[in-house]
Amino acid sequence: MRLFLVGLSVLSLAACGGDLLPGGASVTDSAGVRMVTSDAPRWQDGGGWQLSGDPVLEIRNREGAPALSQVQAAVRMSDGRIALIDGGTQQLRIHDGSGNFLSAAGGLGTAPGQSRNLGGLARMRGDSLFAWDFLGARGLIYDERGTFVRNIVPVMGASEYQAARLVEPLPDGGFIGSATLPPRQLGALGRNGFWEAYLRFDASGVLVDTIGEYQMARCPGRQLDCAAGPIGPIGLVGLADDRVYYGFSETYDIRAYGLDGALQQVIRRQVEPVHVPASFFDTLRAQWSAALRPDQQASLDRFMRDGDFGTIMPLFRSLHTDAKGNLWVGEVNEPFQLHLVFRSDIARLHGPSDPAYSVFNPKGELLGTVHVPRGFRIYEIGDDYVIGEMVDESGAEVVRQYALKK
């Protein structure tokens, strides 16, 4: 997500003092903010972390078990069981440590325990589970067996923020949540584009405080016309128990904010930009046009005309945090060859090589790079495992857990 106001004033100050860290990183202090620039990783060639060659667990379509359809999230529980959200059936499903189906809860609907667009699965204290219904605008809490317990909705009080949702449970029982800034509020602040606020809520869902307001995308006109192109710059957020990471993908400048909103750290890296060939947009338009109905072509024309596509590849595409508080930054594949892949209503871009993640420790120092299989979408990174989902050669969805070797 986006730009926080305190960062603007802090970054305008001249940095004072500097130290060279192992691995080619330098650190300076600016008004109490740690600013780390990495030129080389700390892991030596041939060292570092890597995923196991083969998955240690797979959840796939099997006889006698419900089929996977539009998996939205998956997490591992403390005893090795896997919980996942199946978007096609709007169910929370529990599988054992070997991938065998155990139980399912919920379904499509508006009754308690049901949902209309379920996603965002996360573990809470004691292996309770939390998920968010985006269309129903409410959270669902399950016990450690995967049984629905109750709904929870954000209580915003007099706040002008819109479309509030709870995102990440905190160790104290509260939540990090987000909401959009309405156009009137943006106008009063002299901003354009699409912005989100990240917020703190207590265990009952009551708004406690604002962590920061971050820009998601730029827009040439009204917020309703805002659209980031498939390779245009966007804001990205990664959440940890004690901080919020934010970066706008056109510059390798990732900022860490405490839950009180204070800027704590800036992570920078020297990266050579990759320019987009003009032929890419012609190919993109032809592929999308072929997939749309005639009555949708006008929307495509407007999107291609007004979308913020950018002329260079974004410098990163995702932010994740692992169980130890390390930041995983999803890099853009090189060499520059992209293939448009439709999954449900989401267009994904995949390069020819295995996706790479740059890993930074909590001090902001670049450790090195971890590669994951091509097409693998990360859902959770533990201390010694990574869980995600991909599509196999037959087109079927598969949830996989890999061992993380350190």
Protein backbone atom coordinates (compact mmCIF):
# COMPACT_ATOMS: atom_id res chain seq x y z
CA MET A 1 0.00 0.00 0.00
CA ARG A 2 1.19 3.49 0.10
CA LEU A 3 2.87 6.64 1.13
CA PHE A 4 2.82 7.72 4.75
CA LEU A 5 3.10 11.42 5.48
CA VAL A 6 5.75 11.23 8.18
CA GLY A 7 8.04 9.55 5.65
CA LEU A 8 8.06 12.63 3.45
CA SER A 9 9.51 14.90 6.09
CA VAL A 10 11.97 12.33 7.38
CA LEU A 11 13.33 11.48 3.95
CA SER A 12 13.92 15.15 3.21
CA LEU A 13 16.45 15.33 6.04
CA ALA A 14 20.11 14.80 5.29
CA ALA A 15 21.37 11.50 6.58
CA CYS A 16 24.18 11.76 9.05
CA GLY A 17 26.82 9.19 9.79
CA GLY A 18 27.24 5.88 8.01
CA ASP A 19 28.49 2.36 8.62
CA LEU A 20 29.35 -0.43 6.21
CA LEU A 21 27.63 -3.71 7.08
CA PRO A 22 28.75 -7.22 6.10
CA GLY A 23 27.57 -8.24 2.66
CA GLY A 24 27.84 -4.83 1.01
CA ALA A 25 25.12 -2.93 2.86
CA SER A 26 25.49 0.55 4.33
CA VAL A 27 23.42 2.03 7.12
CA THR A 28 22.81 5.63 8.08
CA ASP A 29 20.66 7.25 10.74
CA SER A 30 18.34 10.10 9.87
CA ALA A 31 16.45 11.58 12.83
CA GLY A 32 16.33 8.16 14.47
CA VAL A 33 15.26 6.33 11.29
CA ARG A 34 17.51 3.47 10.20
CA MET A 35 18.23 3.72 6.46
CA VAL A 36 19.82 0.63 4.91
CA THR A 37 21.10 0.41 1.34
CA SER A 38 22.18 -3.01 0.09
CA ASP A 39 24.53 -3.50 -2.85
CA ALA A 40 25.31 -7.19 -2.24
CA PRO A 41 23.77 -10.04 -0.19
CA ARG A 42 25.22 -11.39 3.05
CA TRP A 43 24.83 -14.99 1.86
CA GLN A 44 27.87 -16.12 -0.07
CA ASP A 45 27.63 -17.86 -3.45
CA GLY A 46 26.26 -21.35 -2.98
CA GLY A 47 24.97 -20.57 0.50
CA GLY A 48 21.73 -19.23 1.84
CA TRP A 49 18.23 -20.67 1.99
CA GLN A 50 16.44 -22.80 -0.56
CA LEU A 51 13.23 -24.75 -0.95
CA SER A 52 13.24 -28.53 -1.09
CA GLY A 53 13.36 -29.91 -4.62
CA ASP A 54 10.05 -31.69 -4.15
CA PRO A 55 7.07 -30.64 -2.02
CA VAL A 56 6.77 -32.37 1.35
CA LEU A 57 2.98 -32.16 1.16
CA GLU A 58 0.43 -31.79 -1.62
CA ILE A 59 -3.29 -31.16 -1.52
CA ARG A 60 -4.84 -31.94 -4.88
CA ASN A 61 -8.03 -33.33 -6.31
CA ARG A 62 -8.53 -36.88 -5.05
CA GLU A 63 -11.35 -39.38 -5.24
CA GLY A 64 -13.61 -39.11 -2.21
CA ALA A 65 -12.51 -35.55 -1.34
CA PRO A 66 -14.03 -32.25 -2.49
CA ALA A 67 -12.28 -30.76 -5.51
CA LEU A 68 -10.17 -27.63 -5.20
CA SER A 69 -11.68 -24.63 -6.93
CA GLN A 70 -10.23 -21.10 -6.72
CA VAL A 71 -8.05 -21.57 -3.65
CA GLN A 72 -7.61 -18.19 -1.96
CA ALA A 73 -5.30 -18.87 1.00
CA ALA A 74 -3.69 -21.63 3.05
CA VAL A 75 -1.86 -21.81 6.39
CA ARG A 76 -0.24 -24.55 8.46
CA MET A 77 -1.46 -25.12 12.00
CA SER A 78 0.81 -25.95 14.92
CA ASP A 79 0.16 -29.72 14.67
CA GLY A 80 0.89 -29.84 10.93
CA ARG A 81 -2.67 -29.71 9.67
CA ILE A 82 -3.39 -27.40 6.72
CA ALA A 83 -6.31 -24.97 6.62
CA LEU A 84 -7.32 -23.47 3.29
CA ILE A 85 -10.00 -21.29 1.77
CA ASP A 86 -11.75 -22.76 -1.28
CA GLY A 87 -13.29 -19.84 -3.12
CA GLY A 88 -15.41 -21.94 -5.45
CA THR A 89 -17.42 -23.41 -2.59
CA GLN A 90 -16.82 -20.62 -0.04
CA GLN A 91 -15.57 -23.18 2.47
CA LEU A 92 -12.86 -23.33 5.07
CA ARG A 93 -11.31 -26.79 4.70
CA ILE A 94 -9.01 -28.68 7.05
CA HIS A 95 -6.53 -31.30 5.80
CA ASP A 96 -4.19 -33.47 7.83
CA GLY A 97 -0.40 -33.35 7.70
CA SER A 98 -0.40 -35.76 4.75
CA GLY A 99 -2.85 -33.67 2.71
CA ASN A 100 -5.92 -35.83 3.36
CA PHE A 101 -9.24 -34.02 3.64
CA LEU A 102 -10.70 -33.89 7.15
CA SER A 103 -13.55 -31.40 7.31
CA ALA A 104 -15.20 -28.34 5.77
CA ALA A 105 -17.16 -25.44 7.21
CA GLY A 106 -19.31 -22.74 5.67
CA GLY A 107 -20.57 -22.27 2.14
CA LEU A 108 -22.06 -19.64 -0.11
CA GLY A 109 -24.66 -17.47 1.60
CA THR A 110 -25.31 -14.75 4.16
CA ALA A 111 -26.16 -16.81 7.25
CA PRO A 112 -23.67 -16.93 10.14
CA GLY A 113 -20.70 -19.03 9.07
CA GLN A 114 -21.43 -18.53 5.37
CA SER A 115 -19.74 -16.10 3.03
CA ARG A 116 -19.87 -14.58 -0.46
CA ASN A 117 -16.19 -13.90 -1.20
CA LEU A 118 -13.99 -15.52 1.43
CA GLY A 119 -10.22 -14.96 1.60
CA GLY A 120 -7.37 -13.65 3.73
CA LEU A 121 -6.90 -16.68 5.99
CA ALA A 122 -4.66 -16.21 9.06
CA ARG A 123 -3.93 -18.01 12.30
CA MET A 124 -4.87 -16.49 15.63
CA ARG A 125 -3.80 -17.45 19.14
CA GLY A 126 -4.23 -21.13 20.03
CA ASP A 127 -4.67 -22.20 16.39
CA SER A 128 -7.94 -20.36 16.00
CA LEU A 129 -8.44 -19.14 12.45
CA PHE A 130 -9.57 -15.88 10.92
CA ALA A 131 -10.86 -15.18 7.39
CA TRP A 132 -12.49 -12.19 5.74
CA ASP A 133 -15.62 -12.11 3.57
CA PHE A 134 -14.95 -9.28 1.12
CA LEU A 135 -18.51 -9.02 -0.19
CA GLY A 136 -20.12 -9.66 3.17
CA ALA A 137 -17.81 -7.09 4.83
CA ARG A 138 -17.28 -9.21 7.92
CA GLY A 139 -14.71 -11.49 9.46
CA LEU A 140 -15.24 -15.13 10.34
CA ILE A 141 -13.53 -16.72 13.33
CA TYR A 142 -13.12 -20.48 13.66
CA ASP A 143 -11.81 -22.62 16.50
CA GLU A 144 -8.78 -24.92 16.21
CA ARG A 145 -10.98 -27.69 14.73
CA GLY A 146 -12.15 -25.42 11.92
CA THR A 147 -15.63 -25.00 13.40
CA PHE A 148 -17.23 -21.58 12.88
CA VAL A 149 -17.48 -19.60 16.13
CA ARG A 150 -18.61 -16.08 15.35
CA ASN A 151 -18.56 -13.14 12.98
CA ILE A 152 -16.72 -9.90 13.63
CA VAL A 153 -17.22 -6.55 11.87
CA PRO A 154 -15.14 -3.36 12.07
CA VAL A 155 -16.58 -0.62 14.26
CA MET A 156 -15.40 2.66 12.73
CA GLY A 157 -17.08 5.24 14.97
CA ALA A 158 -16.92 8.73 13.45
CA SER A 159 -14.19 7.82 10.97
CA GLU A 160 -14.68 8.86 7.33
CA TYR A 161 -12.77 5.87 6.00
CA GLN A 162 -14.74 3.55 3.73
CA ALA A 163 -14.85 -0.20 3.02
CA ALA A 164 -13.02 -1.13 6.22
CA ARG A 165 -11.80 -4.70 6.64
CA LEU A 166 -9.77 -6.64 9.16
CA VAL A 167 -6.60 -8.10 7.66
CA GLU A 168 -4.11 -9.54 10.15
CA PRO A 169 -4.63 -10.81 13.73
CA LEU A 170 -2.11 -9.49 16.26
CA PRO A 171 -0.57 -11.37 19.21
CA ASP A 172 -2.56 -9.22 21.69
CA GLY A 173 -5.87 -10.32 20.15
CA GLY A 174 -6.38 -7.17 18.10
CA PHE A 175 -6.12 -6.72 14.35
CA ILE A 176 -4.43 -4.72 11.66
CA GLY A 177 -7.05 -3.61 9.18
CA SER A 178 -7.41 -1.39 6.15
CA ALA A 179 -9.91 1.01 4.62
CA THR A 180 -10.10 3.28 1.58
CA LEU A 181 -9.93 7.06 1.64
CA PRO A 182 -13.06 8.64 0.12
CA PRO A 183 -12.64 11.09 -2.80
CA ARG A 184 -13.74 14.04 -0.66
CA GLN A 185 -11.05 13.33 1.90
CA LEU A 186 -8.43 12.93 -0.83
CA GLY A 187 -9.43 16.26 -2.34
CA ALA A 188 -9.11 18.02 1.00
CA LEU A 189 -5.60 16.58 1.36
CA GLY A 190 -4.60 17.54 -2.17
CA ARG A 191 -4.06 13.92 -3.23
CA ASN A 192 -5.12 11.95 -6.28
CA GLY A 193 -5.08 8.29 -7.04
CA PHE A 194 -6.27 5.39 -4.92
CA TRP A 195 -5.21 5.36 -1.26
CA GLU A 196 -5.70 2.98 1.63
CA ALA A 197 -5.37 3.56 5.33
CA TYR A 198 -3.93 0.85 7.55
CA LEU A 199 -5.50 0.79 10.99
CA ARG A 200 -5.35 -0.84 14.40
CA PHE A 201 -8.45 -2.50 15.84
CA ASP A 202 -9.02 -4.10 19.23
CA ALA A 203 -10.17 -7.68 19.74
CA SER A 204 -13.81 -6.63 19.32
CA GLY A 205 -13.14 -4.93 15.98
CA VAL A 206 -13.31 -1.38 17.33
CA LEU A 207 -11.04 1.11 15.59
CA VAL A 208 -8.18 2.17 17.88
CA ASP A 209 -5.83 4.24 15.76
CA THR A 210 -4.50 4.95 12.26
CA ILE A 211 -1.10 3.50 11.40
CA GLY A 212 -0.73 5.31 8.07
CA GLU A 213 -2.25 6.22 4.73
CA TYR A 214 -0.59 4.75 1.64
CA GLN A 215 -1.01 5.29 -2.10
CA MET A 216 -2.12 2.20 -4.03
CA ALA A 217 -2.17 3.57 -7.57
CA ARG A 218 -2.03 6.81 -9.49
CA CYS A 219 -5.04 8.00 -11.46
CA PRO A 220 -5.34 10.64 -14.20
CA GLY A 221 -8.81 11.71 -13.10
CA ARG A 222 -11.54 10.51 -10.78
CA GLN A 223 -10.87 7.76 -8.30
CA LEU A 224 -13.44 5.62 -10.10
CA ASP A 225 -11.27 5.81 -13.23
CA CYS A 226 -8.19 4.67 -11.33
CA ALA A 227 -6.53 1.65 -12.88
CA ALA A 228 -2.98 0.43 -12.61
CA GLY A 229 -1.84 -1.38 -15.73
CA PRO A 230 -0.52 -4.95 -15.45
CA ILE A 231 3.03 -3.63 -15.24
CA GLY A 232 2.30 -0.15 -13.96
CA PRO A 233 3.54 1.00 -10.56
CA ILE A 234 1.46 -0.02 -7.55
CA GLY A 235 1.76 0.20 -3.81
CA LEU A 236 2.40 -2.98 -1.85
CA VAL A 237 2.16 -3.79 1.84
CA GLY A 238 3.62 -6.57 3.98
CA LEU A 239 2.38 -7.04 7.54
CA ALA A 240 4.31 -8.29 10.57
CA ASP A 241 3.35 -8.52 14.24
CA ASP A 242 5.06 -5.24 15.08
CA ARG A 243 5.28 -3.28 11.84
CA VAL A 244 3.86 -2.46 8.43
CA TYR A 245 6.09 -2.53 5.35
CA TYR A 246 5.16 -0.29 2.43
CA GLY A 247 6.69 0.32 -1.00
CA PHE A 248 5.65 1.79 -4.34
CA SER A 249 7.00 -0.52 -7.01
CA GLU A 250 8.60 2.08 -9.28
CA THR A 251 11.41 2.72 -6.76
CA TYR A 252 13.24 0.21 -4.55
CA ASP A 253 12.46 2.12 -1.38
CA ILE A 254 10.55 0.04 1.19
CA ARG A 255 9.57 1.67 4.48
CA ALA A 256 8.86 -0.02 7.79
CA TYR A 257 6.40 1.67 10.16
CA GLY A 258 5.67 0.73 13.74
CA LEU A 259 2.08 0.08 14.76
CA ASP A 260 2.10 3.60 16.21
CA GLY A 261 2.67 4.95 12.70
CA ALA A 262 6.27 6.05 13.28
CA LEU A 263 8.73 5.46 10.46
CA GLN A 264 11.39 3.10 11.80
CA GLN A 265 13.41 1.96 8.81
CA VAL A 266 13.94 2.49 5.08
CA ILE A 267 15.22 -0.39 2.94
CA ARG A 268 16.87 0.50 -0.35
CA ARG A 269 18.58 -1.47 -3.07
CA GLN A 270 20.34 -0.52 -6.29
CA VAL A 271 18.43 -2.24 -9.11
CA GLU A 272 18.83 -1.70 -12.84
CA PRO A 273 15.41 -0.97 -14.40
CA VAL A 274 14.09 -3.22 -17.18
CA HIS A 275 12.35 -1.34 -19.99
CA VAL A 276 9.12 -2.60 -21.52
CA PRO A 277 9.15 -3.25 -25.29
CA ALA A 278 6.37 -1.45 -27.15
CA SER A 279 5.24 -4.72 -28.74
CA PHE A 280 4.20 -6.01 -25.30
CA PHE A 281 1.19 -3.69 -25.13
CA ASP A 282 -0.04 -4.72 -28.59
CA THR A 283 0.17 -8.38 -27.58
CA LEU A 284 -1.52 -7.65 -24.25
CA ARG A 285 -4.42 -5.84 -25.90
CA ALA A 286 -4.95 -8.64 -28.44
CA GLN A 287 -4.96 -11.33 -25.74
CA TRP A 288 -7.40 -9.46 -23.54
CA SER A 289 -9.66 -8.49 -26.44
CA ALA A 290 -9.96 -12.13 -27.49
CA ALA A 291 -11.07 -13.07 -23.96
CA LEU A 292 -13.79 -10.40 -23.65
CA ARG A 293 -17.35 -10.16 -24.90
CA PRO A 294 -18.20 -7.48 -27.50
CA ASP A 295 -19.97 -5.37 -24.87
CA GLN A 296 -16.78 -5.33 -22.78
CA GLN A 297 -14.51 -3.95 -25.48
CA ALA A 298 -15.25 -0.31 -24.59
CA SER A 299 -14.05 -0.93 -21.05
CA LEU A 300 -10.86 -2.45 -22.41
CA ASP A 301 -10.34 0.57 -24.67
CA ARG A 302 -10.72 2.92 -21.70
CA PHE A 303 -8.39 0.81 -19.57
CA MET A 304 -5.70 0.71 -22.24
CA ARG A 305 -6.04 4.46 -22.75
CA ASP A 306 -6.13 5.60 -19.11
CA GLY A 307 -4.33 2.85 -17.19
CA ASP A 308 -1.03 3.70 -15.51
CA PHE A 309 1.04 1.15 -17.43
CA GLY A 310 4.50 2.55 -16.95
CA THR A 311 7.47 2.22 -19.31
CA ILE A 312 9.64 0.04 -17.08
CA MET A 313 8.95 -3.15 -15.21
CA PRO A 314 8.03 -2.70 -11.55
CA LEU A 315 11.06 -3.24 -9.36
CA PHE A 316 9.16 -5.68 -7.13
CA ARG A 317 5.76 -7.36 -7.24
CA SER A 318 4.93 -8.54 -3.71
CA LEU A 319 5.88 -8.19 -0.05
CA HIS A 320 5.69 -11.07 2.44
CA THR A 321 6.93 -11.53 5.98
CA ASP A 322 7.92 -14.85 7.49
CA ALA A 323 7.58 -16.31 10.99
CA LYS A 324 10.87 -14.71 12.11
CA GLY A 325 10.02 -11.24 10.85
CA ASN A 326 12.16 -11.38 7.69
CA LEU A 327 10.86 -9.48 4.68
CA TRP A 328 10.53 -11.37 1.38
CA VAL A 329 10.38 -9.06 -1.64
CA GLY A 330 9.07 -10.68 -4.82
CA GLU A 331 11.31 -9.59 -7.68
CA VAL A 332 10.29 -9.23 -11.31
CA ASN A 333 11.48 -12.06 -13.52
CA GLU A 334 14.30 -11.60 -15.98
CA PRO A 335 15.00 -11.88 -18.82
CA PHE A 336 11.99 -9.87 -19.90
CA GLN A 337 9.55 -12.33 -21.48
CA LEU A 338 6.02 -12.30 -20.13
CA HIS A 339 3.07 -14.58 -20.69
CA LEU A 340 -0.45 -13.60 -19.76
CA VAL A 341 -2.21 -16.30 -17.75
CA PHE A 342 -5.87 -16.03 -16.73
CA ARG A 343 -6.90 -17.56 -13.44
CA SER A 344 -10.52 -16.81 -12.56
CA ASP A 345 -10.83 -13.06 -13.22
CA ILE A 346 -7.22 -12.26 -12.36
CA ALA A 347 -4.51 -11.79 -14.97
CA ARG A 348 -1.07 -12.96 -13.85
CA LEU A 349 2.23 -12.35 -15.50
CA HIS A 350 4.85 -15.08 -15.40
CA GLY A 351 8.40 -14.97 -16.69
CA PRO A 352 10.41 -17.85 -18.10
CA SER A 353 12.45 -18.48 -14.96
CA ASP A 354 11.63 -19.45 -11.39
CA PRO A 355 10.41 -16.43 -9.42
CA ALA A 356 12.98 -14.92 -7.08
CA TYR A 357 12.46 -13.40 -3.64
CA SER A 358 15.02 -11.11 -2.04
CA VAL A 359 15.09 -11.76 1.71
CA PHE A 360 15.88 -8.95 4.16
CA ASN A 361 16.34 -9.53 7.87
CA PRO A 362 14.43 -7.40 10.42
CA LYS A 363 17.36 -4.94 10.46
CA GLY A 364 16.78 -4.28 6.75
CA GLU A 365 19.94 -6.04 5.55
CA LEU A 366 19.79 -8.07 2.34
CA LEU A 367 20.46 -11.73 3.13
CA GLY A 368 20.12 -13.13 -0.37
CA THR A 369 17.71 -14.68 -2.85
CA VAL A 370 15.29 -17.60 -2.56
CA HIS A 371 13.81 -19.12 -5.72
CA VAL A 372 10.39 -20.77 -5.84
CA PRO A 373 8.86 -22.88 -8.64
CA ARG A 374 7.41 -21.02 -11.57
CA GLY A 375 3.73 -20.22 -11.07
CA PHE A 376 3.91 -20.85 -7.31
CA ARG A 377 1.85 -18.36 -5.33
CA ILE A 378 3.05 -17.99 -1.75
CA TYR A 379 0.41 -18.01 0.99
CA GLU A 380 2.49 -18.48 4.16
CA ILE A 381 6.20 -18.56 5.06
CA GLY A 382 7.05 -20.35 8.29
CA ASP A 383 10.41 -20.80 9.95
CA ASP A 384 11.10 -24.02 8.04
CA TYR A 385 8.38 -24.25 5.40
CA VAL A 386 6.61 -22.34 2.63
CA ILE A 387 2.99 -23.00 1.64
CA GLY A 388 1.42 -21.88 -1.60
CA GLU A 389 -0.63 -22.90 -4.60
CA MET A 390 -0.04 -23.48 -8.28
CA VAL A 391 -1.68 -25.01 -11.34
CA ASP A 392 -0.28 -28.35 -12.56
CA GLU A 393 0.20 -29.54 -16.12
CA SER A 394 -3.42 -30.69 -16.37
CA GLY A 395 -4.77 -27.30 -15.28
CA ALA A 396 -5.78 -28.49 -11.80
CA GLU A 397 -5.02 -26.45 -8.69
CA VAL A 398 -2.55 -27.90 -6.20
CA VAL A 399 -1.66 -26.62 -2.73
CA ARG A 400 1.95 -27.43 -1.90
CA GLN A 401 4.17 -27.20 1.15
CA TYR A 402 7.92 -27.07 0.62
CA ALA A 403 10.59 -27.40 3.26
CA LEU A 404 12.65 -24.24 3.72
CA LYS A 405 16.25 -25.32 4.11
CA LYS A 406 18.51 -22.86 5.93
